[in-house]
Protein backbone atom coordinates (compact mmCIF):
# COMPACT_ATOMS: atom_id res chain seq x y z
CA MET A 1 236.46 41.32 51.47
CA PRO A 2 234.85 40.97 48.44
CA ASP A 3 237.40 43.12 46.48
CA ALA A 4 239.96 40.35 47.28
CA ARG A 5 237.82 37.26 46.10
CA GLY A 6 236.59 39.31 43.16
CA PRO A 7 233.07 38.96 41.71
CA ILE A 8 230.72 35.65 41.17
CA GLU A 9 231.70 34.46 37.91
CA ILE A 10 229.05 32.82 35.65
CA SER A 11 230.05 31.19 32.49
CA ALA A 12 228.53 29.48 29.34
CA ARG A 13 231.68 29.28 27.74
CA VAL A 14 233.78 25.66 27.04
CA ARG A 15 237.12 27.31 26.00
CA ALA A 16 238.35 30.74 26.69
CA SER A 17 238.34 31.69 22.76
CA GLY A 18 235.67 30.29 20.54
CA GLY A 19 233.99 27.04 21.20
CA PRO A 20 230.20 26.19 21.71
CA TYR A 21 228.11 27.41 24.74
CA ILE A 22 226.61 25.26 27.60
CA PRO A 23 224.29 25.88 29.73
CA PRO A 24 226.18 28.50 32.49
CA LYS A 25 227.45 27.54 35.83
CA SER A 26 229.10 28.93 38.45
CA ARG A 27 232.80 28.87 38.30
CA TRP A 28 233.93 31.54 41.11
CA GLY A 29 231.46 31.72 44.15
CA SER A 30 228.13 29.98 44.11
CA LEU A 31 224.55 31.58 43.32
CA THR A 32 223.00 29.57 45.97
CA GLY A 33 221.15 31.30 48.61
CA TYR A 34 221.02 34.72 46.92
CA THR A 35 218.25 36.86 46.57
CA GLU A 36 219.85 39.79 44.96
CA LEU A 37 222.03 39.54 42.12
CA ILE A 38 223.67 42.62 39.57
CA ILE A 39 225.11 40.47 36.75
CA LEU A 40 227.33 41.95 34.25
CA VAL A 41 227.27 40.81 30.79
CA HIS A 42 230.09 41.22 27.91
CA GLY A 43 229.27 41.86 24.30
CA TYR A 44 230.35 40.44 21.09
CA ASN A 45 233.94 39.28 19.87
CA ARG A 46 235.53 39.04 23.37
CA GLY A 47 237.28 36.28 24.56
CA GLU A 48 237.28 35.32 28.09
CA ASN A 49 240.83 36.95 29.42
CA PRO A 50 240.57 40.11 27.92
CA ILE A 51 236.65 40.48 29.06
CA ARG A 52 238.03 39.30 32.53
CA ASP A 53 240.40 42.51 32.61
CA VAL A 54 237.57 44.71 31.34
CA TYR A 55 235.32 43.23 34.26
CA ALA A 56 237.80 44.07 36.79
CA ASP A 57 238.16 47.23 36.32
CA THR A 58 234.22 48.07 35.92
CA TYR A 59 234.06 46.10 39.37
CA GLY A 60 236.91 48.14 40.91
CA ARG A 61 234.87 51.22 40.05
CA LEU A 62 231.40 50.08 41.46
CA ARG A 63 233.34 49.59 44.91
CA ASP A 64 233.35 53.40 44.87
CA VAL A 65 229.68 53.94 44.45
CA LEU A 66 227.91 50.70 45.60
CA PRO A 67 226.73 50.05 49.11
CA LEU A 68 229.01 47.15 50.51
CA THR A 69 225.96 44.89 50.95
CA MET A 70 224.83 45.20 47.14
CA PHE A 71 228.78 44.97 45.95
CA GLU A 72 228.76 41.83 47.14
CA ASN A 73 226.21 40.64 45.13
CA VAL A 74 228.12 41.43 41.64
CA ALA A 75 228.23 38.48 39.22
CA THR A 76 229.88 38.72 35.59
CA TYR A 77 228.60 36.44 33.01
CA TYR A 78 230.78 34.99 30.33
CA TRP A 79 229.27 33.37 27.14
CA PRO A 80 231.13 32.76 24.11
CA GLY A 81 230.15 35.85 21.83
CA ASP A 82 233.69 35.56 19.60
CA ALA A 83 234.55 32.66 17.41
CA SER A 84 238.56 32.33 18.10
CA ARG A 85 241.31 34.04 19.37
CA PHE A 86 241.97 35.93 16.30
CA TRP A 87 240.05 39.06 15.53
CA ALA A 88 239.05 38.47 11.79
CA PRO A 89 237.48 35.51 11.73
CA SER A 90 235.70 36.17 14.70
CA ALA A 91 234.09 39.53 13.78
CA ALA A 92 232.97 37.77 10.55
CA ALA A 93 230.99 35.23 12.60
CA TYR A 94 229.15 38.13 14.15
CA PHE A 95 225.53 37.13 11.94
CA ALA A 96 226.07 33.82 13.39
CA LYS A 97 226.73 35.25 17.10
CA ILE A 98 223.15 36.79 17.48
CA GLY A 99 221.71 32.99 17.50
CA VAL A 100 224.11 32.26 20.42
CA ALA A 101 223.42 35.43 22.26
CA GLU A 102 219.52 34.36 22.49
CA ALA A 103 220.11 30.99 23.43
CA CYS A 104 222.64 32.17 26.42
CA GLY A 105 220.11 34.56 27.31
CA ARG A 106 217.17 31.79 27.61
CA ASP A 107 219.83 29.42 29.68
CA LEU A 108 220.78 32.20 31.89
CA ALA A 109 216.76 32.94 32.63
CA ASP A 110 216.78 29.31 33.07
CA ARG A 111 219.57 29.44 35.49
CA LEU A 112 218.25 32.40 37.55
CA THR A 113 214.91 30.63 38.06
CA GLU A 114 217.04 27.77 39.89
CA THR A 115 218.65 30.02 42.15
CA PRO A 116 216.63 31.50 44.97
CA PRO A 117 215.88 29.25 47.83
CA ASP A 118 212.94 27.45 48.35
CA GLY A 119 210.36 30.47 49.43
CA LYS A 120 211.96 33.19 48.42
CA LYS A 121 212.71 35.64 45.27
CA LEU A 122 215.49 36.37 43.07
CA THR A 123 215.33 39.90 42.21
CA VAL A 124 218.62 41.06 39.41
CA TRP A 125 219.73 44.01 37.87
CA LEU A 126 221.02 43.09 34.28
CA ILE A 127 223.57 45.07 32.86
CA GLY A 128 224.41 44.61 29.28
CA HIS A 129 226.98 46.06 26.54
CA SER A 130 226.87 45.83 22.59
CA LEU A 131 225.43 42.27 21.58
CA GLY A 132 225.28 41.35 25.37
CA CYS A 133 222.25 43.68 25.67
CA ARG A 134 220.55 41.22 22.92
CA LEU A 135 221.44 38.35 25.75
CA VAL A 136 219.89 40.47 28.04
CA LEU A 137 216.53 41.29 26.44
CA GLU A 138 216.49 37.41 25.85
CA THR A 139 216.82 36.88 29.39
CA VAL A 140 214.19 39.30 30.82
CA ARG A 141 211.60 38.12 28.05
CA HIS A 142 212.07 34.66 29.17
CA LEU A 143 211.70 35.83 33.16
CA ARG A 144 208.70 38.03 32.48
CA ASP A 145 205.99 35.67 34.01
CA SER A 146 208.48 34.12 36.35
CA ASP A 147 207.30 33.55 39.97
CA ARG A 148 210.85 33.17 41.30
CA VAL A 149 212.75 35.98 39.58
CA GLN A 150 211.96 39.59 39.76
CA VAL A 151 213.88 41.67 37.12
CA ALA A 152 214.51 45.14 38.90
CA GLY A 153 216.47 46.90 36.45
CA VAL A 154 217.65 46.68 32.94
CA LEU A 155 220.80 48.95 31.45
CA LEU A 156 221.53 48.60 28.05
CA MET A 157 225.13 50.05 26.53
CA ALA A 158 225.52 50.52 22.95
CA ALA A 159 223.08 47.97 22.20
CA ALA A 160 223.59 45.77 19.31
CA VAL A 161 220.05 45.38 18.88
CA PRO A 162 217.69 46.68 15.95
CA GLU A 163 215.21 49.29 16.76
CA GLY A 164 212.34 48.00 15.07
CA LEU A 165 212.92 44.38 17.44
CA CYS A 166 211.95 46.81 20.31
CA GLU A 167 208.34 48.46 18.98
CA GLY A 168 205.23 47.56 17.96
CA GLU A 169 204.72 43.92 18.90
CA ARG A 170 208.16 42.56 18.09
CA ARG A 171 210.04 40.31 20.02
CA TYR A 172 211.46 43.04 22.67
CA ALA A 173 208.61 45.67 22.51
CA ASP A 174 207.33 45.01 26.05
CA ARG A 175 209.18 46.06 28.91
CA VAL A 176 209.52 43.78 31.60
CA ALA A 177 211.69 45.71 34.72
CA PRO A 178 210.32 49.09 36.36
CA ALA A 179 213.50 50.58 34.64
CA GLU A 180 215.08 49.95 31.63
CA VAL A 181 217.65 52.62 30.62
CA VAL A 182 219.27 52.74 27.21
CA LEU A 183 223.12 54.69 27.03
CA HIS A 184 223.56 55.27 23.56
CA SER A 185 226.16 57.57 21.18
CA GLU A 186 226.24 58.42 17.46
CA ALA A 187 230.11 58.72 18.12
CA ASP A 188 230.09 54.89 18.06
CA HIS A 189 232.09 53.84 15.09
CA ILE A 190 231.91 50.09 15.63
CA LEU A 191 228.00 50.81 15.42
CA LYS A 192 228.35 53.05 12.57
CA ARG A 193 230.43 51.04 10.38
CA TRP A 194 229.61 47.04 10.90
CA PHE A 195 225.97 46.73 12.48
CA THR A 196 223.87 47.49 9.46
CA THR A 197 226.05 44.97 7.33
CA GLY A 198 226.07 42.21 10.09
CA GLN A 199 222.34 42.34 10.46
CA LEU A 200 221.64 42.06 6.98
CA LEU A 201 223.89 38.95 7.00
CA ALA A 202 221.84 37.35 9.64
CA ARG A 203 218.86 38.31 8.03
CA ILE A 204 220.02 36.22 4.91
CA ALA A 205 221.04 33.40 6.74
CA ARG A 206 217.68 33.65 8.74
CA ASN A 207 219.37 34.11 11.66
CA GLU A 208 217.42 37.09 12.39
CA PRO A 209 213.60 38.27 12.38
CA ASP A 210 212.48 41.50 10.08
CA PRO A 211 212.42 44.43 12.51
CA GLY A 212 210.47 46.59 10.06
CA PRO A 213 211.83 49.70 8.55
CA HIS A 214 213.73 50.82 11.49
CA LYS A 215 216.66 48.77 11.37
CA GLY A 216 219.36 50.61 12.66
CA PRO A 217 220.96 50.18 16.25
CA VAL A 218 219.19 51.07 19.32
CA GLY A 219 222.98 51.95 20.97
CA LEU A 220 223.38 54.54 18.03
CA SER A 221 220.01 56.17 18.26
CA GLY A 222 218.58 55.30 21.68
CA GLN A 223 215.13 54.77 19.43
CA PRO A 224 212.69 53.96 19.82
CA GLY A 225 211.39 56.50 22.25
CA ARG A 226 208.14 56.61 24.32
CA PRO A 227 207.08 54.27 25.53
CA ARG A 228 209.18 51.79 25.16
CA TRP A 229 212.44 53.69 27.12
CA ASP A 230 210.02 55.83 28.48
CA GLY A 231 212.13 58.84 28.86
CA MET A 232 215.30 56.30 30.69
CA ARG A 233 217.87 57.25 27.55
CA ASP A 234 221.23 58.84 27.75
CA SER A 235 223.26 60.43 25.01
CA VAL A 236 226.94 59.85 26.37
CA GLY A 237 229.04 60.46 23.37
CA LEU A 238 231.09 56.88 23.83
CA ASP A 239 232.75 54.88 21.12
CA HIS A 240 231.87 51.38 21.42
CA ASN A 241 234.46 50.03 23.99
CA GLN A 242 234.34 52.92 25.99
CA TYR A 243 231.44 52.17 28.19
CA TRP A 244 232.54 49.76 30.80
CA SER A 245 234.96 52.13 31.95
CA SER A 246 232.81 55.41 31.77
CA SER A 247 232.19 57.30 34.91
CA ASN A 248 228.80 58.38 33.37
CA ALA A 249 228.16 54.59 32.86
CA ILE A 250 229.09 53.54 36.25
CA SER A 251 226.99 56.02 37.68
CA GLN A 252 224.15 54.80 35.72
CA MET A 253 224.64 51.17 37.38
CA ALA A 254 224.48 52.46 40.93
CA ALA A 255 221.63 54.47 39.97
CA LEU A 256 219.64 51.56 38.56
CA VAL A 257 220.43 49.44 41.34
CA GLY A 258 220.11 52.01 44.24
CA ASN A 259 216.48 52.78 42.70
CA ALA A 260 217.81 56.35 42.55
CA ARG A 261 215.15 58.51 40.94
CA TRP A 262 216.71 58.91 37.19
CA ARG A 263 216.04 61.96 35.08
CA GLU A 264 216.33 62.14 31.51
CA PRO A 265 219.10 64.72 30.43
CA ALA A 266 218.59 68.34 28.82
CA SER A 267 220.71 67.22 25.96
CA HIS A 268 218.65 64.28 25.28
CA GLN A 269 217.16 64.22 21.59
CA PRO A 270 213.36 64.96 20.99
CA ASP A 271 211.00 61.59 21.41
CA SER A 272 209.46 61.88 17.84
CA ARG A 273 211.37 59.89 15.66
CA ARG A 274 213.58 61.78 12.73
CA PRO A 275 212.51 61.72 9.00
CA PRO A 276 214.83 59.18 7.04
CA GLU A 277 216.69 61.91 5.27
CA GLN A 278 218.03 62.87 8.66
CA TRP A 279 219.35 59.27 9.63
CA PRO A 280 223.02 58.37 9.84
CA ALA A 281 224.23 56.72 6.63
CA THR A 282 224.31 53.54 8.11
CA ARG A 283 220.32 53.36 8.35
CA LEU A 284 220.03 54.22 4.68
CA ALA A 285 222.39 51.36 3.80
CA VAL A 286 219.58 48.65 4.18
């Protein structure tokens, strides 16, 4: 049974804590022969062992909402988004991990392109959290013109991605998947307190392009609005580390994979962008 063997594991890690990244390899289960995959991507500053426990909990919750035929296609992805097993030095390395997330995203795209059998096409759904959303967006950007992989859906939770990079003609402004859903929350203390500083250091170190005037995180505001996310946004009221176990998020994962009709909740903020004087304090700091 799938719940006995656990999900497929794909890893770009060399060590359980910190370390460099490598091209992703299957460590538990094989991707060979798959034509559908649901890939979970963790965020920043999470070592392999702690995130495995988080994945196990989410995997168990997905068992209750996904058909068995889809549940067997769940894969968990591990990448070195942490610098060490100690929280403080790992947290201080955020600005350097943006480039790691992008590189791992490109490598994952290459790995997925090699996955489908000859004459077949791989359909994927990618679910990311925090800086893992950057990895997901980079993956789908590199799969945009693929004739071997179709990205059917993307779910971004607490996305540590500047709004400005998702609008205009910047890096992530173009939608690739038919459905790209954003779960965001102004109750996210991590994004409120640390995102602006981390991004500023990244720009100083030239690890990050200038996002323009809208430097706040997508995971805090859900911006930009239409046409980028096209109504597929939900203000969920969660703190940063509550997403993977949230019943709301689990339901959104199931709806995305099941191609259920997604409706924007009535509580969603207007599509028009708020004037600067109404922005959270983190935006005004840049």
